[in-house]
Amino acid sequence: MSEPAGQRDAPGGAGELKGRTGLARLRNATHYSIAGLRAAYADEQAFRQEVWAAAVLIPLALLLPVSAAGKALMIGSVLLVLMVELMNSAIEALADRITQEKHILIKKAKDVGSAAVMLALINVLAVWLLVLLG
């Protein structure tokens, strides 16, 4: 839960909050995390789609007649997609900040991030099938 880069060194930004501990640090970290979720939802179509899929799949997992462990695995697999998508979006934002020009390493970073999301989605399918059919 790190601070957005643009706020680290700005007056009143996260740089001035580095020494905080306890509830103040938790409150600030929560604020930055919520800001990140809002930014991803506003700017990333794939994240929005995955959030809506999660909004369907998580309640469905809770309603299905499977064990508590099965429910946890099903929900965890869905949340993992959101986490990996957030990391992929962060990689893409950093890559775009570095350069908009085509570069083999930027392409590789974006492709690897995309592959991670794809594997997380395959994981959802595998977990849900194993839980439901097992």
N, C-alpha and C. Protein backbone atom coordinates (compact mmCIF):
# COMPACT_ATOMS: atom_id res chain seq x y z
N MET A 1 0.83 -1.17 0.00
CA MET A 1 0.00 0.00 0.00
C MET A 1 0.88 1.24 0.00
N SER A 2 1.61 1.47 -1.04
CA SER A 2 2.48 2.63 -1.06
C SER A 2 1.74 3.84 -1.61
N GLU A 3 2.36 4.98 -1.43
CA GLU A 3 1.75 6.23 -1.83
C GLU A 3 1.88 6.44 -3.33
N PRO A 4 0.89 7.14 -3.93
CA PRO A 4 1.02 7.49 -5.33
C PRO A 4 2.27 8.36 -5.53
N ALA A 5 3.00 8.09 -6.60
CA ALA A 5 4.28 8.77 -6.83
C ALA A 5 4.13 10.27 -6.86
N GLY A 6 3.07 10.79 -7.43
CA GLY A 6 2.89 12.22 -7.54
C GLY A 6 2.71 12.90 -6.20
N GLN A 7 2.40 12.16 -5.15
CA GLN A 7 2.15 12.76 -3.85
C GLN A 7 3.33 12.61 -2.91
N ARG A 8 4.32 11.85 -3.27
CA ARG A 8 5.42 11.59 -2.35
C ARG A 8 6.17 12.84 -1.95
N ASP A 9 6.50 13.65 -2.93
CA ASP A 9 7.35 14.79 -2.65
C ASP A 9 6.60 16.11 -2.65
N ALA A 10 5.30 16.08 -2.94
CA ALA A 10 4.51 17.31 -2.98
C ALA A 10 4.24 17.79 -1.57
N PRO A 11 4.16 19.11 -1.39
CA PRO A 11 3.80 19.63 -0.07
C PRO A 11 2.46 19.06 0.37
N GLY A 12 2.41 18.57 1.58
CA GLY A 12 1.18 17.97 2.09
C GLY A 12 0.97 16.56 1.59
N GLY A 13 1.89 16.04 0.79
CA GLY A 13 1.76 14.71 0.23
C GLY A 13 2.27 13.65 1.19
N ALA A 14 2.38 12.45 0.68
CA ALA A 14 2.73 11.30 1.51
C ALA A 14 4.13 11.40 2.10
N GLY A 15 5.04 12.15 1.45
CA GLY A 15 6.39 12.28 1.98
C GLY A 15 6.41 12.84 3.38
N GLU A 16 5.47 13.73 3.68
CA GLU A 16 5.40 14.31 5.01
C GLU A 16 4.77 13.37 6.02
N LEU A 17 4.21 12.27 5.56
CA LEU A 17 3.52 11.33 6.44
C LEU A 17 4.34 10.09 6.73
N LYS A 18 5.56 10.02 6.21
CA LYS A 18 6.36 8.81 6.31
C LYS A 18 6.60 8.36 7.75
N GLY A 19 6.72 9.28 8.68
CA GLY A 19 7.03 8.91 10.05
C GLY A 19 5.83 8.46 10.86
N ARG A 20 4.67 8.51 10.27
CA ARG A 20 3.45 8.16 11.00
C ARG A 20 3.38 6.67 11.26
N THR A 21 2.79 6.32 12.38
CA THR A 21 2.62 4.91 12.73
C THR A 21 1.19 4.71 13.23
N GLY A 22 0.85 3.47 13.49
CA GLY A 22 -0.43 3.14 14.09
C GLY A 22 -1.61 3.51 13.21
N LEU A 23 -2.64 4.07 13.84
CA LEU A 23 -3.87 4.36 13.14
C LEU A 23 -3.70 5.42 12.06
N ALA A 24 -2.83 6.39 12.26
CA ALA A 24 -2.61 7.42 11.26
C ALA A 24 -2.04 6.81 9.98
N ARG A 25 -1.08 5.91 10.13
CA ARG A 25 -0.51 5.24 8.96
C ARG A 25 -1.54 4.37 8.27
N LEU A 26 -2.33 3.64 9.04
CA LEU A 26 -3.37 2.79 8.48
C LEU A 26 -4.40 3.64 7.73
N ARG A 27 -4.80 4.77 8.32
CA ARG A 27 -5.77 5.65 7.67
C ARG A 27 -5.20 6.17 6.35
N ASN A 28 -3.95 6.61 6.35
CA ASN A 28 -3.33 7.12 5.13
C ASN A 28 -3.17 6.04 4.08
N ALA A 29 -2.73 4.87 4.50
CA ALA A 29 -2.56 3.76 3.55
C ALA A 29 -3.90 3.38 2.94
N THR A 30 -4.94 3.38 3.76
CA THR A 30 -6.28 3.05 3.26
C THR A 30 -6.73 4.11 2.24
N HIS A 31 -6.45 5.35 2.53
CA HIS A 31 -6.80 6.44 1.60
C HIS A 31 -6.12 6.23 0.24
N TYR A 32 -4.83 5.92 0.26
CA TYR A 32 -4.09 5.73 -0.99
C TYR A 32 -4.59 4.49 -1.74
N SER A 33 -4.94 3.45 -1.00
CA SER A 33 -5.45 2.24 -1.64
C SER A 33 -6.80 2.50 -2.31
N ILE A 34 -7.67 3.22 -1.63
CA ILE A 34 -8.97 3.55 -2.22
C ILE A 34 -8.78 4.44 -3.44
N ALA A 35 -7.84 5.38 -3.37
CA ALA A 35 -7.54 6.22 -4.53
C ALA A 35 -7.07 5.37 -5.71
N GLY A 36 -6.26 4.36 -5.43
CA GLY A 36 -5.79 3.46 -6.49
C GLY A 36 -6.92 2.66 -7.10
N LEU A 37 -7.82 2.16 -6.26
CA LEU A 37 -8.98 1.42 -6.77
C LEU A 37 -9.86 2.32 -7.64
N ARG A 38 -10.08 3.55 -7.18
CA ARG A 38 -10.90 4.49 -7.97
C ARG A 38 -10.24 4.80 -9.31
N ALA A 39 -8.94 5.02 -9.29
CA ALA A 39 -8.22 5.34 -10.52
C ALA A 39 -8.28 4.16 -11.49
N ALA A 40 -8.07 2.96 -10.99
CA ALA A 40 -8.12 1.78 -11.86
C ALA A 40 -9.51 1.60 -12.44
N TYR A 41 -10.52 1.78 -11.61
CA TYR A 41 -11.90 1.62 -12.09
C TYR A 41 -12.23 2.69 -13.14
N ALA A 42 -11.77 3.91 -12.92
CA ALA A 42 -12.05 5.00 -13.86
C ALA A 42 -11.30 4.85 -15.18
N ASP A 43 -10.07 4.36 -15.11
CA ASP A 43 -9.18 4.39 -16.28
C ASP A 43 -8.99 3.06 -16.99
N GLU A 44 -9.33 1.95 -16.36
CA GLU A 44 -9.01 0.64 -16.92
C GLU A 44 -10.27 -0.17 -17.18
N GLN A 45 -10.61 -0.32 -18.46
CA GLN A 45 -11.82 -1.06 -18.83
C GLN A 45 -11.76 -2.51 -18.36
N ALA A 46 -10.62 -3.15 -18.48
CA ALA A 46 -10.50 -4.55 -18.05
C ALA A 46 -10.78 -4.68 -16.56
N PHE A 47 -10.28 -3.73 -15.76
CA PHE A 47 -10.52 -3.77 -14.32
C PHE A 47 -12.01 -3.61 -14.03
N ARG A 48 -12.67 -2.68 -14.73
CA ARG A 48 -14.12 -2.51 -14.54
C ARG A 48 -14.87 -3.80 -14.85
N GLN A 49 -14.51 -4.45 -15.95
CA GLN A 49 -15.17 -5.71 -16.32
C GLN A 49 -14.94 -6.77 -15.25
N GLU A 50 -13.74 -6.84 -14.74
CA GLU A 50 -13.43 -7.85 -13.71
C GLU A 50 -14.12 -7.53 -12.39
N VAL A 51 -14.28 -6.26 -12.07
CA VAL A 51 -15.03 -5.89 -10.87
C VAL A 51 -16.48 -6.34 -10.99
N TRP A 52 -17.07 -6.11 -12.15
CA TRP A 52 -18.48 -6.53 -12.34
C TRP A 52 -18.60 -8.05 -12.33
N ALA A 53 -17.62 -8.74 -12.89
CA ALA A 53 -17.64 -10.21 -12.82
C ALA A 53 -17.52 -10.65 -11.36
N ALA A 54 -16.66 -10.00 -10.60
CA ALA A 54 -16.51 -10.32 -9.18
C ALA A 54 -17.79 -10.04 -8.41
N ALA A 55 -18.49 -8.99 -8.79
CA ALA A 55 -19.75 -8.63 -8.13
C ALA A 55 -20.81 -9.72 -8.33
N VAL A 56 -20.66 -10.49 -9.39
CA VAL A 56 -21.57 -11.61 -9.64
C VAL A 56 -21.02 -12.89 -9.01
N LEU A 57 -19.75 -13.15 -9.23
CA LEU A 57 -19.16 -14.43 -8.81
C LEU A 57 -19.01 -14.58 -7.30
N ILE A 58 -18.67 -13.51 -6.61
CA ILE A 58 -18.47 -13.63 -5.15
C ILE A 58 -19.78 -13.97 -4.43
N PRO A 59 -20.86 -13.24 -4.69
CA PRO A 59 -22.12 -13.66 -4.06
C PRO A 59 -22.56 -15.06 -4.49
N LEU A 60 -22.31 -15.41 -5.77
CA LEU A 60 -22.65 -16.74 -6.24
C LEU A 60 -21.89 -17.80 -5.46
N ALA A 61 -20.61 -17.57 -5.23
CA ALA A 61 -19.80 -18.52 -4.46
C ALA A 61 -20.37 -18.69 -3.06
N LEU A 62 -20.83 -17.61 -2.46
CA LEU A 62 -21.41 -17.68 -1.12
C LEU A 62 -22.72 -18.45 -1.08
N LEU A 63 -23.45 -18.41 -2.18
CA LEU A 63 -24.76 -19.07 -2.24
C LEU A 63 -24.67 -20.54 -2.64
N LEU A 64 -23.60 -20.93 -3.32
CA LEU A 64 -23.49 -22.31 -3.80
C LEU A 64 -23.30 -23.29 -2.64
N PRO A 65 -23.85 -24.48 -2.79
CA PRO A 65 -23.73 -25.49 -1.71
C PRO A 65 -22.38 -26.20 -1.75
N VAL A 66 -21.32 -25.46 -1.41
CA VAL A 66 -19.99 -26.04 -1.34
C VAL A 66 -19.43 -25.75 0.06
N SER A 67 -18.36 -26.44 0.39
CA SER A 67 -17.75 -26.27 1.72
C SER A 67 -17.23 -24.86 1.90
N ALA A 68 -16.96 -24.51 3.14
CA ALA A 68 -16.37 -23.20 3.44
C ALA A 68 -15.02 -23.05 2.74
N ALA A 69 -14.26 -24.12 2.72
CA ALA A 69 -12.96 -24.07 2.04
C ALA A 69 -13.15 -23.85 0.54
N GLY A 70 -14.15 -24.51 -0.03
CA GLY A 70 -14.45 -24.32 -1.45
C GLY A 70 -14.86 -22.88 -1.74
N LYS A 71 -15.70 -22.32 -0.87
CA LYS A 71 -16.11 -20.92 -1.03
C LYS A 71 -14.89 -20.01 -0.96
N ALA A 72 -14.01 -20.26 0.00
CA ALA A 72 -12.81 -19.44 0.16
C ALA A 72 -11.93 -19.51 -1.09
N LEU A 73 -11.76 -20.72 -1.62
CA LEU A 73 -10.95 -20.87 -2.84
C LEU A 73 -11.58 -20.15 -4.02
N MET A 74 -12.88 -20.26 -4.15
CA MET A 74 -13.58 -19.63 -5.27
C MET A 74 -13.48 -18.10 -5.16
N ILE A 75 -13.73 -17.57 -3.99
CA ILE A 75 -13.65 -16.12 -3.79
C ILE A 75 -12.21 -15.64 -3.93
N GLY A 76 -11.28 -16.38 -3.35
CA GLY A 76 -9.87 -16.01 -3.45
C GLY A 76 -9.38 -15.97 -4.88
N SER A 77 -9.83 -16.91 -5.70
CA SER A 77 -9.40 -16.92 -7.10
C SER A 77 -9.91 -15.70 -7.84
N VAL A 78 -11.12 -15.26 -7.51
CA VAL A 78 -11.68 -14.06 -8.15
C VAL A 78 -10.93 -12.81 -7.68
N LEU A 79 -10.67 -12.72 -6.38
CA LEU A 79 -9.92 -11.56 -5.87
C LEU A 79 -8.51 -11.52 -6.43
N LEU A 80 -7.92 -12.69 -6.67
CA LEU A 80 -6.58 -12.73 -7.26
C LEU A 80 -6.56 -12.07 -8.63
N VAL A 81 -7.60 -12.27 -9.42
CA VAL A 81 -7.67 -11.62 -10.73
C VAL A 81 -7.62 -10.10 -10.57
N LEU A 82 -8.38 -9.58 -9.62
CA LEU A 82 -8.39 -8.13 -9.40
C LEU A 82 -7.01 -7.64 -8.97
N MET A 83 -6.36 -8.38 -8.09
CA MET A 83 -5.02 -7.99 -7.64
C MET A 83 -4.01 -7.99 -8.79
N VAL A 84 -4.05 -9.03 -9.59
CA VAL A 84 -3.10 -9.12 -10.70
C VAL A 84 -3.40 -8.03 -11.73
N GLU A 85 -4.66 -7.75 -11.97
CA GLU A 85 -5.03 -6.68 -12.90
C GLU A 85 -4.53 -5.33 -12.41
N LEU A 86 -4.64 -5.08 -11.11
CA LEU A 86 -4.12 -3.84 -10.55
C LEU A 86 -2.61 -3.74 -10.76
N MET A 87 -1.89 -4.83 -10.52
CA MET A 87 -0.44 -4.81 -10.74
C MET A 87 -0.12 -4.60 -12.22
N ASN A 88 -0.87 -5.24 -13.09
CA ASN A 88 -0.66 -5.06 -14.52
C ASN A 88 -0.90 -3.60 -14.92
N SER A 89 -1.94 -3.00 -14.38
CA SER A 89 -2.23 -1.60 -14.68
C SER A 89 -1.11 -0.70 -14.17
N ALA A 90 -0.55 -1.02 -13.01
CA ALA A 90 0.56 -0.23 -12.48
C ALA A 90 1.78 -0.34 -13.39
N ILE A 91 2.07 -1.54 -13.85
CA ILE A 91 3.20 -1.75 -14.77
C ILE A 91 2.99 -0.94 -16.04
N GLU A 92 1.77 -1.01 -16.59
CA GLU A 92 1.48 -0.28 -17.83
C GLU A 92 1.59 1.22 -17.63
N ALA A 93 1.11 1.73 -16.49
CA ALA A 93 1.20 3.16 -16.22
C ALA A 93 2.66 3.61 -16.14
N LEU A 94 3.48 2.82 -15.45
CA LEU A 94 4.90 3.16 -15.35
C LEU A 94 5.58 3.09 -16.72
N ALA A 95 5.25 2.07 -17.48
CA ALA A 95 5.84 1.93 -18.81
C ALA A 95 5.45 3.12 -19.70
N ASP A 96 4.18 3.52 -19.63
CA ASP A 96 3.73 4.65 -20.43
C ASP A 96 4.36 5.96 -19.96
N ARG A 97 4.66 6.06 -18.68
CA ARG A 97 5.31 7.26 -18.15
C ARG A 97 6.75 7.35 -18.66
N ILE A 98 7.38 6.20 -18.82
CA ILE A 98 8.77 6.17 -19.29
C ILE A 98 8.84 6.60 -20.75
N THR A 99 7.99 6.00 -21.58
CA THR A 99 8.00 6.34 -23.01
C THR A 99 6.73 5.84 -23.68
N GLN A 100 6.28 6.59 -24.66
CA GLN A 100 5.16 6.16 -25.51
C GLN A 100 5.70 5.51 -26.79
N GLU A 101 7.00 5.59 -26.98
CA GLU A 101 7.61 4.99 -28.16
C GLU A 101 7.64 3.48 -28.03
N LYS A 102 7.62 2.81 -29.18
CA LYS A 102 7.72 1.35 -29.16
C LYS A 102 9.13 0.96 -28.72
N HIS A 103 9.18 0.06 -27.76
CA HIS A 103 10.47 -0.44 -27.28
C HIS A 103 10.28 -1.89 -26.88
N ILE A 104 11.22 -2.72 -27.22
CA ILE A 104 11.09 -4.16 -26.99
C ILE A 104 10.91 -4.50 -25.50
N LEU A 105 11.57 -3.77 -24.61
CA LEU A 105 11.44 -4.07 -23.18
C LEU A 105 10.11 -3.58 -22.61
N ILE A 106 9.61 -2.45 -23.12
CA ILE A 106 8.29 -1.98 -22.70
C ILE A 106 7.24 -2.98 -23.16
N LYS A 107 7.35 -3.44 -24.40
CA LYS A 107 6.41 -4.44 -24.92
C LYS A 107 6.47 -5.71 -24.08
N LYS A 108 7.68 -6.12 -23.74
CA LYS A 108 7.84 -7.33 -22.93
C LYS A 108 7.18 -7.16 -21.56
N ALA A 109 7.39 -6.02 -20.92
CA ALA A 109 6.79 -5.78 -19.60
C ALA A 109 5.27 -5.82 -19.68
N LYS A 110 4.71 -5.17 -20.70
CA LYS A 110 3.26 -5.16 -20.86
C LYS A 110 2.72 -6.55 -21.20
N ASP A 111 3.43 -7.28 -22.06
CA ASP A 111 2.99 -8.63 -22.42
C ASP A 111 3.05 -9.58 -21.23
N VAL A 112 4.09 -9.47 -20.42
CA VAL A 112 4.22 -10.34 -19.24
C VAL A 112 3.11 -10.02 -18.23
N GLY A 113 2.82 -8.74 -18.04
CA GLY A 113 1.72 -8.36 -17.16
C GLY A 113 0.39 -8.90 -17.66
N SER A 114 0.17 -8.83 -18.96
CA SER A 114 -1.04 -9.37 -19.55
C SER A 114 -1.12 -10.89 -19.38
N ALA A 115 0.01 -11.54 -19.53
CA ALA A 115 0.05 -13.00 -19.34
C ALA A 115 -0.30 -13.36 -17.90
N ALA A 116 0.14 -12.56 -16.95
CA ALA A 116 -0.19 -12.82 -15.53
C ALA A 116 -1.69 -12.73 -15.32
N VAL A 117 -2.33 -11.75 -15.93
CA VAL A 117 -3.79 -11.64 -15.81
C VAL A 117 -4.46 -12.85 -16.44
N MET A 118 -3.98 -13.26 -17.61
CA MET A 118 -4.56 -14.42 -18.27
C MET A 118 -4.46 -15.68 -17.39
N LEU A 119 -3.31 -15.87 -16.76
CA LEU A 119 -3.14 -17.04 -15.88
C LEU A 119 -4.06 -16.94 -14.66
N ALA A 120 -4.26 -15.75 -14.15
CA ALA A 120 -5.19 -15.58 -13.02
C ALA A 120 -6.61 -15.93 -13.44
N LEU A 121 -6.98 -15.56 -14.66
CA LEU A 121 -8.32 -15.90 -15.16
C LEU A 121 -8.46 -17.41 -15.38
N ILE A 122 -7.42 -18.04 -15.89
CA ILE A 122 -7.43 -19.50 -16.04
C ILE A 122 -7.56 -20.15 -14.67
N ASN A 123 -6.89 -19.58 -13.68
CA ASN A 123 -6.97 -20.09 -12.31
C ASN A 123 -8.40 -20.05 -11.79
N VAL A 124 -9.13 -18.97 -12.07
CA VAL A 124 -10.55 -18.89 -11.66
C VAL A 124 -11.31 -20.05 -12.26
N LEU A 125 -11.14 -20.27 -13.53
CA LEU A 125 -11.85 -21.36 -14.21
C LEU A 125 -11.49 -22.70 -13.59
N ALA A 126 -10.22 -22.95 -13.38
CA ALA A 126 -9.78 -24.22 -12.81
C ALA A 126 -10.32 -24.42 -11.39
N VAL A 127 -10.21 -23.40 -10.56
CA VAL A 127 -10.67 -23.52 -9.17
C VAL A 127 -12.17 -23.76 -9.14
N TRP A 128 -12.92 -22.97 -9.89
CA TRP A 128 -14.37 -23.12 -9.86
C TRP A 128 -14.79 -24.49 -10.39
N LEU A 129 -14.16 -24.96 -11.45
CA LEU A 129 -14.50 -26.30 -11.97
C LEU A 129 -14.16 -27.38 -10.96
N LEU A 130 -12.99 -27.30 -10.36
CA LEU A 130 -12.59 -28.32 -9.39
C LEU A 130 -13.49 -28.33 -8.17
N VAL A 131 -13.85 -27.16 -7.69
CA VAL A 131 -14.73 -27.09 -6.52
C VAL A 131 -16.13 -27.59 -6.86
N LEU A 132 -16.65 -27.17 -8.00
CA LEU A 132 -18.03 -27.53 -8.36
C LEU A 132 -18.16 -28.98 -8.82
N LEU A 133 -17.12 -29.51 -9.47
CA LEU A 133 -17.20 -30.88 -9.99
C LEU A 133 -16.56 -31.90 -9.06
N GLY A 134 -15.77 -31.40 -8.09
CA GLY A 134 -15.02 -32.30 -7.22
C GLY A 134 -15.80 -32.77 -6.10
